[in-house]
N, C-alpha and C. Protein backbone atom coordinates (compact mmCIF):
# COMPACT_ATOMS: atom_id res chain seq x y z
N MET A 1 -14.20 20.78 -1.73
CA MET A 1 -14.94 19.71 -1.05
C MET A 1 -14.23 18.38 -1.26
N ASP A 2 -14.11 17.56 -0.21
CA ASP A 2 -13.42 16.29 -0.31
C ASP A 2 -14.14 15.38 -1.29
N ALA A 3 -13.32 14.61 -2.03
CA ALA A 3 -13.88 13.71 -3.03
C ALA A 3 -14.35 12.40 -2.42
N CYS A 4 -13.95 12.11 -1.20
CA CYS A 4 -14.28 10.84 -0.59
C CYS A 4 -15.78 10.70 -0.36
N HIS A 5 -16.29 9.52 -0.58
CA HIS A 5 -17.67 9.24 -0.28
C HIS A 5 -17.89 9.32 1.22
N SER A 6 -19.11 9.59 1.64
CA SER A 6 -19.39 9.85 3.05
C SER A 6 -18.98 8.70 3.96
N VAL A 7 -19.20 7.45 3.51
CA VAL A 7 -18.84 6.31 4.35
C VAL A 7 -17.35 6.26 4.59
N HIS A 8 -16.57 6.61 3.57
CA HIS A 8 -15.12 6.61 3.73
C HIS A 8 -14.65 7.82 4.52
N GLN A 9 -15.35 8.95 4.40
CA GLN A 9 -15.02 10.11 5.21
C GLN A 9 -15.16 9.78 6.69
N GLN A 10 -16.21 9.04 7.03
CA GLN A 10 -16.41 8.65 8.42
C GLN A 10 -15.25 7.79 8.91
N LYS A 11 -14.78 6.88 8.05
CA LYS A 11 -13.64 6.03 8.41
C LYS A 11 -12.39 6.87 8.62
N LEU A 12 -12.19 7.86 7.72
CA LEU A 12 -11.01 8.71 7.84
C LEU A 12 -11.03 9.50 9.13
N ARG A 13 -12.20 10.02 9.49
CA ARG A 13 -12.31 10.82 10.71
C ARG A 13 -12.05 10.00 11.96
N SER A 14 -12.27 8.68 11.87
CA SER A 14 -12.09 7.82 13.03
C SER A 14 -10.63 7.41 13.23
N LEU A 15 -9.77 7.71 12.25
CA LEU A 15 -8.37 7.32 12.34
C LEU A 15 -7.59 8.27 13.24
N THR A 16 -6.56 7.74 13.88
CA THR A 16 -5.67 8.57 14.68
C THR A 16 -4.50 9.10 13.84
N THR A 17 -4.45 8.68 12.58
CA THR A 17 -3.39 9.11 11.67
C THR A 17 -3.48 10.62 11.42
N THR A 18 -2.33 11.27 11.30
CA THR A 18 -2.29 12.72 11.10
C THR A 18 -2.82 13.11 9.72
N ARG A 19 -3.65 14.14 9.69
CA ARG A 19 -4.12 14.67 8.41
C ARG A 19 -3.36 15.97 8.13
N TYR A 20 -2.65 16.00 6.99
CA TYR A 20 -1.83 17.15 6.63
C TYR A 20 -2.54 18.01 5.58
N THR A 21 -2.16 19.28 5.53
CA THR A 21 -2.61 20.14 4.44
C THR A 21 -1.67 19.93 3.25
N TYR A 22 -2.09 20.39 2.08
CA TYR A 22 -1.23 20.25 0.91
C TYR A 22 0.05 21.07 1.06
N ASN A 23 -0.04 22.22 1.70
CA ASN A 23 1.16 23.02 1.96
C ASN A 23 2.13 22.28 2.87
N ASP A 24 1.59 21.55 3.84
CA ASP A 24 2.44 20.72 4.70
C ASP A 24 3.21 19.70 3.87
N ILE A 25 2.51 19.09 2.91
CA ILE A 25 3.12 18.07 2.06
C ILE A 25 4.24 18.67 1.21
N ILE A 26 3.99 19.83 0.62
CA ILE A 26 5.00 20.48 -0.23
C ILE A 26 6.24 20.82 0.58
N ARG A 27 6.04 21.33 1.80
CA ARG A 27 7.19 21.63 2.65
C ARG A 27 7.92 20.34 3.03
N MET A 28 7.17 19.29 3.26
CA MET A 28 7.73 18.01 3.68
C MET A 28 8.68 17.45 2.63
N ILE A 29 8.30 17.56 1.36
CA ILE A 29 9.11 16.98 0.28
C ILE A 29 10.05 18.01 -0.34
N SER A 30 10.21 19.15 0.32
CA SER A 30 11.15 20.19 -0.13
C SER A 30 10.94 20.55 -1.59
N LYS A 31 9.66 20.76 -1.94
CA LYS A 31 9.28 21.18 -3.30
C LYS A 31 9.79 20.21 -4.37
N PHE A 32 9.54 18.92 -4.14
CA PHE A 32 9.78 17.86 -5.14
C PHE A 32 11.26 17.62 -5.44
N LYS A 33 12.13 17.82 -4.47
CA LYS A 33 13.57 17.71 -4.74
C LYS A 33 14.06 16.28 -4.93
N CYS A 34 13.48 15.32 -4.19
CA CYS A 34 14.03 13.95 -4.20
C CYS A 34 12.95 12.94 -4.57
N GLN A 35 12.89 12.58 -5.85
CA GLN A 35 11.89 11.62 -6.31
C GLN A 35 12.42 10.20 -6.17
N LEU A 36 11.62 9.34 -5.54
CA LEU A 36 12.02 7.95 -5.31
C LEU A 36 11.52 7.01 -6.39
N GLY A 37 10.38 7.35 -6.99
CA GLY A 37 9.80 6.47 -7.99
C GLY A 37 8.56 7.09 -8.60
N GLN A 38 8.01 6.40 -9.60
CA GLN A 38 6.80 6.89 -10.24
C GLN A 38 5.99 5.72 -10.77
N GLY A 39 4.71 5.98 -11.00
CA GLY A 39 3.83 4.94 -11.52
C GLY A 39 2.57 5.56 -12.06
N GLY A 40 1.59 4.71 -12.40
CA GLY A 40 0.35 5.21 -12.96
C GLY A 40 -0.43 6.08 -12.00
N PHE A 41 -0.22 5.87 -10.68
CA PHE A 41 -0.94 6.62 -9.67
C PHE A 41 -0.36 8.01 -9.45
N GLY A 42 0.94 8.19 -9.77
CA GLY A 42 1.61 9.44 -9.47
C GLY A 42 3.06 9.17 -9.10
N ASN A 43 3.63 10.01 -8.26
CA ASN A 43 5.04 9.90 -7.91
C ASN A 43 5.24 9.74 -6.41
N VAL A 44 6.40 9.16 -6.06
CA VAL A 44 6.78 9.00 -4.66
C VAL A 44 8.04 9.82 -4.41
N TYR A 45 8.01 10.62 -3.35
CA TYR A 45 9.13 11.50 -3.02
C TYR A 45 9.63 11.21 -1.61
N LYS A 46 10.91 11.45 -1.41
CA LYS A 46 11.45 11.39 -0.05
C LYS A 46 11.19 12.73 0.61
N GLY A 47 10.76 12.67 1.86
CA GLY A 47 10.48 13.89 2.60
C GLY A 47 10.96 13.77 4.03
N TRP A 48 10.75 14.83 4.78
CA TRP A 48 11.18 14.86 6.18
C TRP A 48 10.11 15.52 7.03
N LEU A 49 9.81 14.90 8.16
CA LEU A 49 8.91 15.52 9.12
C LEU A 49 9.64 16.68 9.81
N THR A 50 8.91 17.47 10.56
CA THR A 50 9.52 18.64 11.21
C THR A 50 10.60 18.24 12.21
N ASN A 51 10.54 16.99 12.71
CA ASN A 51 11.56 16.54 13.67
C ASN A 51 12.75 15.89 12.98
N GLY A 52 12.76 15.93 11.62
CA GLY A 52 13.89 15.39 10.87
C GLY A 52 13.75 13.94 10.45
N THR A 53 12.66 13.29 10.83
CA THR A 53 12.45 11.89 10.47
C THR A 53 12.18 11.76 8.97
N PRO A 54 12.94 10.90 8.26
CA PRO A 54 12.69 10.72 6.82
C PRO A 54 11.40 9.94 6.58
N VAL A 55 10.67 10.31 5.54
CA VAL A 55 9.42 9.65 5.19
C VAL A 55 9.34 9.49 3.67
N ALA A 56 8.43 8.65 3.23
CA ALA A 56 8.12 8.51 1.80
C ALA A 56 6.73 9.09 1.59
N VAL A 57 6.60 9.99 0.62
CA VAL A 57 5.33 10.66 0.35
C VAL A 57 4.83 10.25 -1.02
N LYS A 58 3.68 9.61 -1.04
CA LYS A 58 3.04 9.17 -2.28
C LYS A 58 2.07 10.26 -2.71
N LEU A 59 2.44 10.99 -3.76
CA LEU A 59 1.64 12.12 -4.23
C LEU A 59 0.82 11.69 -5.43
N MET A 60 -0.49 11.66 -5.27
CA MET A 60 -1.36 11.14 -6.32
C MET A 60 -1.56 12.17 -7.42
N GLU A 61 -1.55 11.68 -8.66
CA GLU A 61 -1.79 12.56 -9.81
C GLU A 61 -3.10 12.26 -10.50
N LYS A 62 -3.66 11.07 -10.23
CA LYS A 62 -4.91 10.69 -10.86
C LYS A 62 -5.95 10.38 -9.81
N SER A 63 -7.21 10.60 -10.17
CA SER A 63 -8.32 10.28 -9.28
C SER A 63 -9.01 9.03 -9.79
N TYR A 64 -9.12 8.02 -8.92
CA TYR A 64 -9.79 6.79 -9.28
C TYR A 64 -11.19 6.79 -8.68
N ASN A 65 -12.21 6.67 -9.56
CA ASN A 65 -13.59 6.66 -9.10
C ASN A 65 -13.88 7.83 -8.16
N ASP A 66 -13.46 9.03 -8.61
CA ASP A 66 -13.70 10.25 -7.84
C ASP A 66 -13.08 10.19 -6.45
N GLY A 67 -11.95 9.49 -6.34
CA GLY A 67 -11.21 9.47 -5.08
C GLY A 67 -11.57 8.34 -4.15
N GLU A 68 -12.48 7.47 -4.54
CA GLU A 68 -12.92 6.42 -3.63
C GLU A 68 -11.79 5.47 -3.28
N GLU A 69 -10.98 5.04 -4.29
CA GLU A 69 -9.90 4.11 -4.03
C GLU A 69 -8.88 4.69 -3.05
N PHE A 70 -8.61 5.99 -3.19
CA PHE A 70 -7.67 6.63 -2.28
C PHE A 70 -8.19 6.54 -0.85
N CYS A 71 -9.46 6.83 -0.66
CA CYS A 71 -10.04 6.79 0.68
C CYS A 71 -10.06 5.37 1.23
N ILE A 72 -10.29 4.40 0.33
CA ILE A 72 -10.27 3.00 0.76
C ILE A 72 -8.88 2.63 1.25
N GLU A 73 -7.84 3.07 0.50
CA GLU A 73 -6.47 2.74 0.90
C GLU A 73 -6.15 3.35 2.26
N VAL A 74 -6.52 4.61 2.46
CA VAL A 74 -6.24 5.27 3.74
C VAL A 74 -6.98 4.58 4.88
N ALA A 75 -8.28 4.34 4.67
CA ALA A 75 -9.09 3.73 5.72
C ALA A 75 -8.63 2.31 6.04
N THR A 76 -8.19 1.58 5.00
CA THR A 76 -7.76 0.20 5.19
C THR A 76 -6.43 0.12 5.92
N ILE A 77 -5.44 0.82 5.39
CA ILE A 77 -4.09 0.71 5.97
C ILE A 77 -4.00 1.45 7.30
N GLY A 78 -4.90 2.41 7.52
CA GLY A 78 -4.89 3.15 8.78
C GLY A 78 -5.25 2.30 9.98
N MET A 79 -5.92 1.16 9.74
CA MET A 79 -6.32 0.31 10.87
C MET A 79 -5.40 -0.91 11.00
N ILE A 80 -4.32 -0.94 10.21
CA ILE A 80 -3.40 -2.07 10.24
C ILE A 80 -2.15 -1.72 11.04
N HIS A 81 -1.76 -2.62 11.93
CA HIS A 81 -0.55 -2.42 12.73
C HIS A 81 0.19 -3.75 12.81
N HIS A 82 1.16 -3.91 11.93
CA HIS A 82 1.93 -5.15 11.89
C HIS A 82 3.32 -4.85 11.36
N VAL A 83 4.31 -5.54 11.88
CA VAL A 83 5.70 -5.29 11.52
C VAL A 83 5.97 -5.52 10.04
N ASN A 84 5.14 -6.32 9.37
CA ASN A 84 5.37 -6.62 7.96
C ASN A 84 4.37 -5.94 7.03
N VAL A 85 3.77 -4.86 7.51
CA VAL A 85 2.89 -4.02 6.69
C VAL A 85 3.34 -2.57 6.88
N VAL A 86 3.40 -1.81 5.78
CA VAL A 86 3.86 -0.42 5.89
C VAL A 86 3.00 0.36 6.88
N HIS A 87 3.65 1.28 7.57
CA HIS A 87 2.96 2.10 8.57
C HIS A 87 2.57 3.44 7.95
N LEU A 88 1.28 3.73 7.95
CA LEU A 88 0.79 5.01 7.44
C LEU A 88 0.93 6.06 8.54
N LEU A 89 1.74 7.08 8.27
CA LEU A 89 1.96 8.15 9.24
C LEU A 89 0.95 9.28 9.10
N GLY A 90 0.47 9.50 7.87
CA GLY A 90 -0.47 10.59 7.66
C GLY A 90 -0.97 10.62 6.23
N PHE A 91 -1.88 11.53 5.95
CA PHE A 91 -2.46 11.64 4.61
C PHE A 91 -2.93 13.07 4.38
N CYS A 92 -3.21 13.36 3.12
CA CYS A 92 -3.74 14.67 2.74
C CYS A 92 -4.87 14.47 1.74
N VAL A 93 -6.02 15.06 2.02
CA VAL A 93 -7.13 15.13 1.07
C VAL A 93 -7.58 16.58 1.06
N GLU A 94 -7.26 17.28 -0.02
CA GLU A 94 -7.57 18.70 -0.11
C GLU A 94 -8.01 19.00 -1.54
N GLY A 95 -9.34 19.04 -1.74
CA GLY A 95 -9.86 19.16 -3.10
C GLY A 95 -9.49 17.93 -3.90
N SER A 96 -8.85 18.12 -5.05
CA SER A 96 -8.42 16.99 -5.87
C SER A 96 -7.00 16.53 -5.52
N ARG A 97 -6.38 17.17 -4.55
CA ARG A 97 -5.01 16.84 -4.17
C ARG A 97 -5.02 15.80 -3.05
N ARG A 98 -4.23 14.75 -3.27
CA ARG A 98 -4.18 13.65 -2.31
C ARG A 98 -2.75 13.16 -2.13
N ALA A 99 -2.41 12.80 -0.92
CA ALA A 99 -1.07 12.29 -0.65
C ALA A 99 -1.11 11.35 0.54
N LEU A 100 -0.19 10.39 0.55
CA LEU A 100 -0.02 9.46 1.66
C LEU A 100 1.40 9.59 2.19
N VAL A 101 1.55 9.55 3.49
CA VAL A 101 2.87 9.68 4.12
C VAL A 101 3.18 8.39 4.88
N TYR A 102 4.27 7.73 4.47
CA TYR A 102 4.66 6.45 5.04
C TYR A 102 6.05 6.54 5.67
N ASP A 103 6.36 5.53 6.48
CA ASP A 103 7.74 5.35 6.92
C ASP A 103 8.63 5.20 5.69
N PHE A 104 9.83 5.76 5.77
CA PHE A 104 10.78 5.64 4.66
C PHE A 104 11.46 4.28 4.70
N MET A 105 11.45 3.58 3.56
CA MET A 105 12.06 2.26 3.45
C MET A 105 13.40 2.39 2.72
N GLU A 106 14.49 2.25 3.46
CA GLU A 106 15.82 2.54 2.94
C GLU A 106 16.22 1.71 1.73
N ASN A 107 15.75 0.47 1.66
CA ASN A 107 16.17 -0.41 0.57
C ASN A 107 15.15 -0.51 -0.57
N GLY A 108 14.15 0.34 -0.55
CA GLY A 108 13.20 0.38 -1.66
C GLY A 108 12.38 -0.89 -1.79
N SER A 109 11.95 -1.19 -3.01
CA SER A 109 11.10 -2.35 -3.22
C SER A 109 11.93 -3.62 -3.45
N HIS A 110 11.31 -4.74 -3.14
CA HIS A 110 11.97 -6.04 -3.34
C HIS A 110 12.23 -6.30 -4.82
N GLU A 111 11.49 -5.65 -5.69
CA GLU A 111 11.60 -5.88 -7.13
C GLU A 111 13.02 -5.66 -7.64
N LYS A 112 13.68 -4.63 -7.13
CA LYS A 112 15.01 -4.31 -7.66
C LYS A 112 16.05 -5.37 -7.29
N PHE A 113 15.72 -6.22 -6.32
CA PHE A 113 16.65 -7.28 -5.93
C PHE A 113 16.33 -8.60 -6.62
N THR A 114 15.32 -8.61 -7.48
CA THR A 114 14.98 -9.84 -8.20
C THR A 114 15.68 -9.92 -9.55
N ASP A 115 16.32 -8.83 -9.97
CA ASP A 115 17.04 -8.81 -11.25
C ASP A 115 18.47 -9.27 -11.01
N THR A 116 18.74 -10.52 -11.32
CA THR A 116 20.07 -11.09 -11.05
C THR A 116 21.13 -10.61 -12.03
N THR A 117 20.73 -9.85 -13.05
CA THR A 117 21.71 -9.34 -14.02
C THR A 117 22.38 -8.07 -13.54
N VAL A 118 21.85 -7.47 -12.46
CA VAL A 118 22.41 -6.22 -11.94
C VAL A 118 23.39 -6.55 -10.81
N ALA A 119 24.64 -6.17 -11.00
CA ALA A 119 25.68 -6.47 -10.02
C ALA A 119 25.38 -5.79 -8.68
N GLY A 120 25.62 -6.52 -7.60
CA GLY A 120 25.46 -5.95 -6.27
C GLY A 120 24.05 -6.00 -5.73
N ARG A 121 23.11 -6.52 -6.53
CA ARG A 121 21.72 -6.55 -6.07
C ARG A 121 21.24 -7.95 -5.71
N CYS A 122 22.10 -8.93 -5.83
CA CYS A 122 21.70 -10.29 -5.50
C CYS A 122 21.71 -10.47 -3.98
N LEU A 123 20.66 -11.07 -3.46
CA LEU A 123 20.57 -11.34 -2.04
C LEU A 123 20.86 -12.81 -1.77
N LEU A 124 21.43 -13.07 -0.61
CA LEU A 124 21.70 -14.45 -0.23
C LEU A 124 20.40 -15.23 -0.12
N ARG A 125 20.49 -16.53 -0.36
CA ARG A 125 19.30 -17.38 -0.31
C ARG A 125 18.62 -17.29 1.05
N GLU A 126 19.42 -17.22 2.12
CA GLU A 126 18.84 -17.14 3.46
C GLU A 126 18.05 -15.85 3.64
N ARG A 127 18.56 -14.75 3.06
CA ARG A 127 17.86 -13.47 3.15
C ARG A 127 16.55 -13.53 2.38
N LEU A 128 16.58 -14.12 1.19
CA LEU A 128 15.37 -14.25 0.39
C LEU A 128 14.32 -15.10 1.11
N TYR A 129 14.79 -16.14 1.78
CA TYR A 129 13.88 -17.00 2.55
C TYR A 129 13.21 -16.20 3.66
N ASP A 130 14.00 -15.40 4.38
CA ASP A 130 13.45 -14.59 5.47
C ASP A 130 12.43 -13.58 4.94
N ILE A 131 12.73 -12.97 3.79
CA ILE A 131 11.81 -12.00 3.20
C ILE A 131 10.49 -12.68 2.84
N ALA A 132 10.58 -13.87 2.23
CA ALA A 132 9.38 -14.60 1.85
C ALA A 132 8.56 -14.99 3.08
N LEU A 133 9.25 -15.45 4.12
CA LEU A 133 8.56 -15.89 5.34
C LEU A 133 7.87 -14.72 6.03
N ASP A 134 8.58 -13.59 6.16
CA ASP A 134 8.00 -12.43 6.82
C ASP A 134 6.84 -11.84 6.00
N THR A 135 6.97 -11.87 4.67
CA THR A 135 5.88 -11.40 3.82
C THR A 135 4.64 -12.25 4.03
N SER A 136 4.83 -13.56 4.14
CA SER A 136 3.69 -14.46 4.37
C SER A 136 3.04 -14.18 5.72
N ARG A 137 3.84 -13.77 6.70
CA ARG A 137 3.28 -13.41 8.01
C ARG A 137 2.42 -12.16 7.90
N GLY A 138 2.88 -11.21 7.09
CA GLY A 138 2.08 -10.01 6.87
C GLY A 138 0.77 -10.32 6.18
N ILE A 139 0.82 -11.21 5.18
CA ILE A 139 -0.40 -11.61 4.47
C ILE A 139 -1.35 -12.33 5.42
N GLU A 140 -0.80 -13.22 6.26
CA GLU A 140 -1.64 -13.93 7.22
C GLU A 140 -2.34 -12.96 8.16
N TYR A 141 -1.62 -11.91 8.56
CA TYR A 141 -2.22 -10.91 9.44
C TYR A 141 -3.39 -10.21 8.75
N LEU A 142 -3.21 -9.86 7.48
CA LEU A 142 -4.29 -9.20 6.74
C LEU A 142 -5.52 -10.10 6.65
N HIS A 143 -5.28 -11.39 6.49
CA HIS A 143 -6.39 -12.34 6.31
C HIS A 143 -7.03 -12.77 7.62
N GLN A 144 -6.23 -12.87 8.68
CA GLN A 144 -6.73 -13.46 9.92
C GLN A 144 -6.60 -12.56 11.15
N GLY A 145 -5.66 -11.63 11.15
CA GLY A 145 -5.34 -10.90 12.37
C GLY A 145 -6.06 -9.57 12.56
N CYS A 146 -6.61 -9.01 11.50
CA CYS A 146 -7.31 -7.72 11.61
C CYS A 146 -8.75 -7.93 12.08
N ASP A 147 -9.38 -6.84 12.50
CA ASP A 147 -10.79 -6.92 12.89
C ASP A 147 -11.65 -7.34 11.70
N ARG A 148 -11.27 -6.88 10.50
CA ARG A 148 -11.94 -7.28 9.27
C ARG A 148 -10.93 -7.96 8.36
N ARG A 149 -11.35 -8.98 7.65
CA ARG A 149 -10.47 -9.68 6.73
C ARG A 149 -10.14 -8.77 5.55
N ILE A 150 -8.88 -8.71 5.16
CA ILE A 150 -8.45 -7.83 4.07
C ILE A 150 -7.79 -8.66 2.96
N ILE A 151 -8.30 -8.52 1.74
CA ILE A 151 -7.65 -9.12 0.57
C ILE A 151 -6.88 -8.00 -0.13
N HIS A 152 -5.60 -8.22 -0.36
CA HIS A 152 -4.75 -7.19 -0.95
C HIS A 152 -4.95 -7.08 -2.46
N PHE A 153 -5.00 -8.21 -3.16
CA PHE A 153 -5.23 -8.31 -4.61
C PHE A 153 -4.03 -7.95 -5.48
N ASP A 154 -2.91 -7.51 -4.91
CA ASP A 154 -1.78 -7.14 -5.76
C ASP A 154 -0.45 -7.41 -5.08
N ILE A 155 -0.31 -8.62 -4.52
CA ILE A 155 0.95 -9.00 -3.90
C ILE A 155 1.97 -9.30 -5.00
N LYS A 156 3.06 -8.55 -5.03
CA LYS A 156 4.12 -8.73 -6.01
C LYS A 156 5.38 -8.05 -5.47
N PRO A 157 6.56 -8.37 -6.02
CA PRO A 157 7.81 -7.79 -5.49
C PRO A 157 7.81 -6.27 -5.44
N HIS A 158 7.18 -5.61 -6.42
CA HIS A 158 7.16 -4.15 -6.45
C HIS A 158 6.44 -3.57 -5.23
N ASN A 159 5.48 -4.32 -4.68
CA ASN A 159 4.70 -3.84 -3.55
C ASN A 159 5.19 -4.37 -2.20
N ILE A 160 6.37 -4.98 -2.21
CA ILE A 160 7.02 -5.40 -0.97
C ILE A 160 8.22 -4.49 -0.75
N LEU A 161 8.14 -3.63 0.26
CA LEU A 161 9.21 -2.68 0.54
C LEU A 161 10.13 -3.22 1.63
N LEU A 162 11.41 -2.82 1.56
CA LEU A 162 12.41 -3.34 2.49
C LEU A 162 13.06 -2.20 3.27
N ASN A 163 13.09 -2.33 4.60
CA ASN A 163 13.72 -1.29 5.40
C ASN A 163 15.23 -1.52 5.47
N SER A 164 15.90 -0.82 6.36
CA SER A 164 17.37 -0.91 6.43
C SER A 164 17.85 -2.30 6.82
N ASP A 165 17.01 -3.07 7.53
CA ASP A 165 17.37 -4.43 7.93
C ASP A 165 16.81 -5.48 6.97
N PHE A 166 16.26 -5.03 5.84
CA PHE A 166 15.64 -5.90 4.85
C PHE A 166 14.39 -6.60 5.39
N THR A 167 13.76 -5.99 6.39
CA THR A 167 12.47 -6.48 6.85
C THR A 167 11.41 -6.05 5.84
N PRO A 168 10.64 -7.00 5.28
CA PRO A 168 9.67 -6.65 4.24
C PRO A 168 8.40 -6.03 4.82
N LYS A 169 7.84 -5.08 4.07
CA LYS A 169 6.60 -4.42 4.44
C LYS A 169 5.66 -4.42 3.23
N ILE A 170 4.48 -4.98 3.38
CA ILE A 170 3.50 -4.99 2.30
C ILE A 170 2.94 -3.58 2.13
N SER A 171 2.86 -3.12 0.88
CA SER A 171 2.40 -1.76 0.61
C SER A 171 1.36 -1.74 -0.51
N ASP A 172 0.88 -0.55 -0.85
CA ASP A 172 -0.06 -0.30 -1.96
C ASP A 172 -1.37 -1.07 -1.78
N PHE A 173 -2.31 -0.43 -1.07
CA PHE A 173 -3.58 -1.06 -0.75
C PHE A 173 -4.76 -0.50 -1.54
N TRP A 174 -4.49 0.17 -2.67
CA TRP A 174 -5.60 0.82 -3.36
C TRP A 174 -6.53 -0.18 -4.04
N LEU A 175 -6.10 -1.42 -4.24
CA LEU A 175 -6.98 -2.46 -4.78
C LEU A 175 -7.63 -3.30 -3.68
N ALA A 176 -7.22 -3.08 -2.44
CA ALA A 176 -7.64 -3.94 -1.33
C ALA A 176 -9.14 -3.86 -1.07
N LYS A 177 -9.65 -4.94 -0.52
CA LYS A 177 -11.06 -5.00 -0.14
C LYS A 177 -11.15 -5.68 1.21
N SER A 178 -11.91 -5.08 2.13
CA SER A 178 -12.08 -5.66 3.45
C SER A 178 -13.53 -6.11 3.64
N PHE A 179 -13.70 -7.14 4.45
CA PHE A 179 -15.04 -7.66 4.73
C PHE A 179 -15.00 -8.41 6.05
N CYS A 180 -16.17 -8.65 6.63
CA CYS A 180 -16.24 -9.25 7.96
C CYS A 180 -15.71 -10.69 7.92
N LYS A 181 -15.13 -11.11 9.03
CA LYS A 181 -14.50 -12.42 9.09
C LYS A 181 -15.50 -13.57 8.99
N GLU A 182 -16.76 -13.28 9.29
CA GLU A 182 -17.77 -14.33 9.23
C GLU A 182 -18.00 -14.80 7.80
N ARG A 183 -17.66 -13.97 6.84
CA ARG A 183 -17.83 -14.33 5.44
C ARG A 183 -16.58 -15.03 4.92
N ASN A 184 -16.78 -16.01 4.04
CA ASN A 184 -15.66 -16.75 3.47
C ASN A 184 -15.20 -16.18 2.13
N SER A 185 -16.04 -15.33 1.52
CA SER A 185 -15.68 -14.80 0.21
C SER A 185 -16.32 -13.43 0.02
N VAL A 186 -15.86 -12.74 -1.02
CA VAL A 186 -16.40 -11.44 -1.37
C VAL A 186 -16.63 -11.42 -2.88
N THR A 187 -17.62 -10.68 -3.34
CA THR A 187 -17.93 -10.62 -4.76
C THR A 187 -17.28 -9.39 -5.40
N ILE A 188 -16.59 -9.61 -6.51
CA ILE A 188 -16.05 -8.50 -7.29
C ILE A 188 -16.55 -8.64 -8.72
N THR A 189 -16.64 -7.53 -9.42
CA THR A 189 -17.21 -7.54 -10.77
C THR A 189 -16.16 -7.51 -11.87
N GLU A 190 -14.90 -7.31 -11.49
CA GLU A 190 -13.83 -7.32 -12.48
C GLU A 190 -12.54 -7.78 -11.83
N GLY A 191 -11.63 -8.27 -12.67
CA GLY A 191 -10.36 -8.76 -12.16
C GLY A 191 -9.53 -7.66 -11.54
N LYS A 192 -8.85 -7.98 -10.45
CA LYS A 192 -7.98 -7.02 -9.77
C LYS A 192 -6.58 -7.60 -9.72
N GLY A 193 -5.58 -6.77 -9.98
CA GLY A 193 -4.22 -7.24 -9.87
C GLY A 193 -3.38 -6.89 -11.08
N THR A 194 -2.16 -7.45 -11.11
CA THR A 194 -1.19 -7.18 -12.16
C THR A 194 -0.97 -8.43 -12.99
N ILE A 195 -1.00 -8.29 -14.30
CA ILE A 195 -0.76 -9.42 -15.19
C ILE A 195 0.59 -10.06 -14.84
N GLY A 196 0.57 -11.37 -14.70
CA GLY A 196 1.77 -12.09 -14.29
C GLY A 196 1.74 -12.46 -12.82
N TYR A 197 0.93 -11.73 -12.04
CA TYR A 197 0.81 -12.00 -10.61
C TYR A 197 -0.64 -12.24 -10.20
N ILE A 198 -1.59 -11.82 -11.03
CA ILE A 198 -3.00 -11.96 -10.71
C ILE A 198 -3.39 -13.43 -10.58
N ALA A 199 -4.25 -13.73 -9.62
CA ALA A 199 -4.68 -15.12 -9.40
C ALA A 199 -5.48 -15.61 -10.61
N PRO A 200 -5.29 -16.87 -11.02
CA PRO A 200 -5.98 -17.41 -12.20
C PRO A 200 -7.49 -17.28 -12.12
N GLU A 201 -8.05 -17.44 -10.91
CA GLU A 201 -9.51 -17.40 -10.79
C GLU A 201 -10.09 -16.01 -11.05
N LEU A 202 -9.23 -14.99 -11.09
CA LEU A 202 -9.70 -13.64 -11.36
C LEU A 202 -9.67 -13.27 -12.83
N VAL A 203 -9.05 -14.12 -13.63
CA VAL A 203 -8.85 -13.78 -15.04
C VAL A 203 -10.12 -13.98 -15.86
N TYR A 204 -10.93 -14.98 -15.52
CA TYR A 204 -12.08 -15.32 -16.34
C TYR A 204 -13.39 -15.04 -15.60
N GLY A 205 -14.44 -14.75 -16.39
CA GLY A 205 -15.77 -14.53 -15.82
C GLY A 205 -16.05 -13.08 -15.52
N ASN A 206 -17.32 -12.74 -15.34
CA ASN A 206 -17.73 -11.37 -15.08
C ASN A 206 -17.92 -11.10 -13.59
N SER A 207 -18.66 -11.96 -12.92
CA SER A 207 -18.88 -11.81 -11.49
C SER A 207 -18.14 -12.92 -10.77
N LYS A 208 -17.37 -12.58 -9.76
CA LYS A 208 -16.51 -13.57 -9.13
C LYS A 208 -16.68 -13.54 -7.61
N HIS A 209 -16.77 -14.72 -7.03
CA HIS A 209 -16.73 -14.85 -5.58
C HIS A 209 -15.33 -15.31 -5.23
N VAL A 210 -14.57 -14.47 -4.57
CA VAL A 210 -13.18 -14.79 -4.28
C VAL A 210 -12.95 -14.77 -2.78
N SER A 211 -12.00 -15.58 -2.33
CA SER A 211 -11.63 -15.63 -0.92
C SER A 211 -10.24 -15.03 -0.74
N HIS A 212 -9.79 -15.03 0.52
CA HIS A 212 -8.46 -14.49 0.81
C HIS A 212 -7.36 -15.32 0.16
N LYS A 213 -7.69 -16.54 -0.29
CA LYS A 213 -6.69 -17.39 -0.93
C LYS A 213 -6.20 -16.79 -2.25
N THR A 214 -6.92 -15.79 -2.75
CA THR A 214 -6.50 -15.09 -3.96
C THR A 214 -5.11 -14.47 -3.80
N ASP A 215 -4.75 -14.09 -2.59
CA ASP A 215 -3.46 -13.45 -2.34
C ASP A 215 -2.30 -14.44 -2.25
N VAL A 216 -2.61 -15.72 -2.14
CA VAL A 216 -1.56 -16.72 -1.86
C VAL A 216 -1.00 -17.29 -3.16
């Protein structure tokens, strides 16, 4: 039985995104042959669709709130269509097994280009400016361009992916929260984000009314 809550199941069913079986995912990533990265959520593997298109597959190893965060991420990113936000190609929810299938980003995360001590990874100032500008356009779209306003809550270099042309794509929406545009703020009961990048207003207090400015 799917772990998603009924409200999120309804959102998933309304998406045009492809729903894969777990066997589809295993075939796609060639039985875990090419790992791209790992984190607290699980691992990311390079895979290929049946037509040969390369993809990135985020294979979850942990369940957050009985799968609710996973369903939120799928439902949220599934309704987003912008050049500076990652494109969700498909997903898998099969019992406790969950996976997300994204476009493959040839240059990985922006984080690896922020370490100036690593030879060959320094980007020209003009390139960095373009990445920052395009990322801000993606954030503006999340805040103003979608049918519902979306707060990401975890904007950082690790979550900015770069394609072959170094076009940035905002990724990782499992902390995101959406709400109607008529509202100026949303209430959260605990801080969301990564230490060092989290907005100061989220650090203190128990109940917080936060706006989309938290991402800026």
